[in-house]
Structure formats: C-alpha cells, structure tokens
Amino acid sequence: MAKCLSSICAVNHMVKTNQFLSGVIAVPARKSLEREKIDSLEKLSHYSEEEIMKLHGFGKNAMEKLKNHMREHEISFKN
C-alpha cells in the first residue's frame, strides 16, 4: 500500500468540517445551502420557504425535517 507523503502527494486530503444541519437533512440539500452561503439558522431565517424549496435537493421530506429543526430552535422562515 502506497503512503501519501506531503512532499510528493499532489492530492489535497483536507476534509471540510461544515456540520451545519448534518444529520437533519440529506447531503444534496445541505450542499445547496452551502452554495448559497447559508451556514446558520439565522441566515436561513432571511429566506422564505418558497425560496429554499427552489434549491436542488429540497423536496417535501427535506423541507419538513428542516422546518421541524427550525421550530425546535424557535426560528422560522421569513414571510
């Protein structure tokens, strides 16, 4: 098995540690939020439910899980 030495390995093995909504919604929906620079419930509250539903990876299931999580933290979408 080959070893990866930083002086000779051209591959970047850094792993992103953005854990926002990890375990709450699926990866495609989380990545869509990440692309929109939404990385907190506070930022999420600046969007309407309709705006978030337009993002890739969001369907009824993801939205329901997200709304339940937001409700638990007393945060809601803008009207």
Protein backbone atom coordinates (compact mmCIF):
# COMPACT_ATOMS: atom_id res chain seq x y z
CA MET A 1 0.00 0.00 0.00
CA ALA A 2 1.41 3.37 -1.01
CA LYS A 3 1.99 6.08 1.54
CA CYS A 4 1.00 9.67 0.92
CA LEU A 5 3.83 12.00 1.82
CA SER A 6 3.01 15.68 1.71
CA SER A 7 6.18 16.43 -0.25
CA ILE A 8 5.22 14.10 -3.11
CA CYS A 9 1.43 13.79 -2.93
CA ALA A 10 -0.41 16.25 -5.15
CA VAL A 11 -3.84 15.35 -3.79
CA ASN A 12 -5.35 17.59 -1.16
CA HIS A 13 -6.74 15.41 1.62
CA MET A 14 -8.35 18.22 3.56
CA VAL A 15 -11.90 17.43 4.60
CA LYS A 16 -14.48 20.15 5.03
CA THR A 17 -15.89 20.18 8.51
CA ASN A 18 -19.05 22.19 7.90
CA GLN A 19 -21.50 20.35 10.11
CA PHE A 20 -24.45 22.73 9.69
CA LEU A 21 -27.62 20.61 9.60
CA SER A 22 -25.62 17.37 9.49
CA GLY A 23 -27.97 14.57 10.48
CA VAL A 24 -31.01 16.78 9.90
CA ILE A 25 -31.27 16.89 6.12
CA ALA A 26 -29.58 14.94 3.33
CA VAL A 27 -26.29 15.92 1.72
CA PRO A 28 -27.72 17.33 -1.55
CA ALA A 29 -29.92 19.79 0.36
CA ARG A 30 -27.05 20.74 2.70
CA LYS A 31 -24.74 21.34 -0.26
CA SER A 32 -27.36 23.57 -1.87
CA LEU A 33 -27.48 25.68 1.28
CA GLU A 34 -23.69 25.77 1.35
CA ARG A 35 -23.58 27.05 -2.25
CA GLU A 36 -25.94 29.85 -1.20
CA LYS A 37 -23.64 30.65 1.77
CA ILE A 38 -26.37 29.65 4.24
CA ASP A 39 -24.47 28.21 7.17
CA SER A 40 -26.63 29.08 10.16
CA LEU A 41 -30.28 29.09 11.18
CA GLU A 42 -30.09 32.86 11.44
CA LYS A 43 -29.12 33.17 7.77
CA LEU A 44 -31.76 30.61 6.86
CA SER A 45 -34.41 32.78 8.53
CA HIS A 46 -33.74 35.50 5.92
CA TYR A 47 -35.24 33.28 3.22
CA SER A 48 -38.81 32.23 2.55
CA GLU A 49 -39.84 28.59 2.43
CA GLU A 50 -40.58 29.01 -1.29
CA GLU A 51 -37.05 30.30 -1.98
CA ILE A 52 -35.47 27.32 -0.24
CA MET A 53 -37.78 24.85 -2.00
CA LYS A 54 -36.38 26.06 -5.34
CA LEU A 55 -32.91 24.80 -4.40
CA HIS A 56 -31.66 21.46 -5.69
CA GLY A 57 -32.13 18.67 -3.17
CA PHE A 58 -35.14 20.16 -1.44
CA GLY A 59 -38.41 18.33 -1.58
CA LYS A 60 -41.26 17.81 0.85
CA ASN A 61 -39.24 15.46 3.07
CA ALA A 62 -36.18 17.72 3.40
CA MET A 63 -38.36 20.76 3.99
CA GLU A 64 -40.41 19.03 6.68
CA LYS A 65 -37.24 17.94 8.51
CA LEU A 66 -35.78 21.43 8.18
CA LYS A 67 -38.95 23.12 9.48
CA ASN A 68 -39.08 20.76 12.46
CA HIS A 69 -35.45 21.54 13.28
CA MET A 70 -36.07 25.27 12.95
CA ARG A 71 -39.18 25.02 15.15
CA GLU A 72 -37.13 23.26 17.86
CA HIS A 73 -34.73 26.23 17.81
CA GLU A 74 -37.54 28.82 17.65
CA ILE A 75 -36.52 30.03 14.20
CA SER A 76 -38.84 30.45 11.21
CA PHE A 77 -38.67 31.39 7.56
CA LYS A 78 -39.41 34.95 6.53
CA ASN A 79 -42.98 35.59 5.35
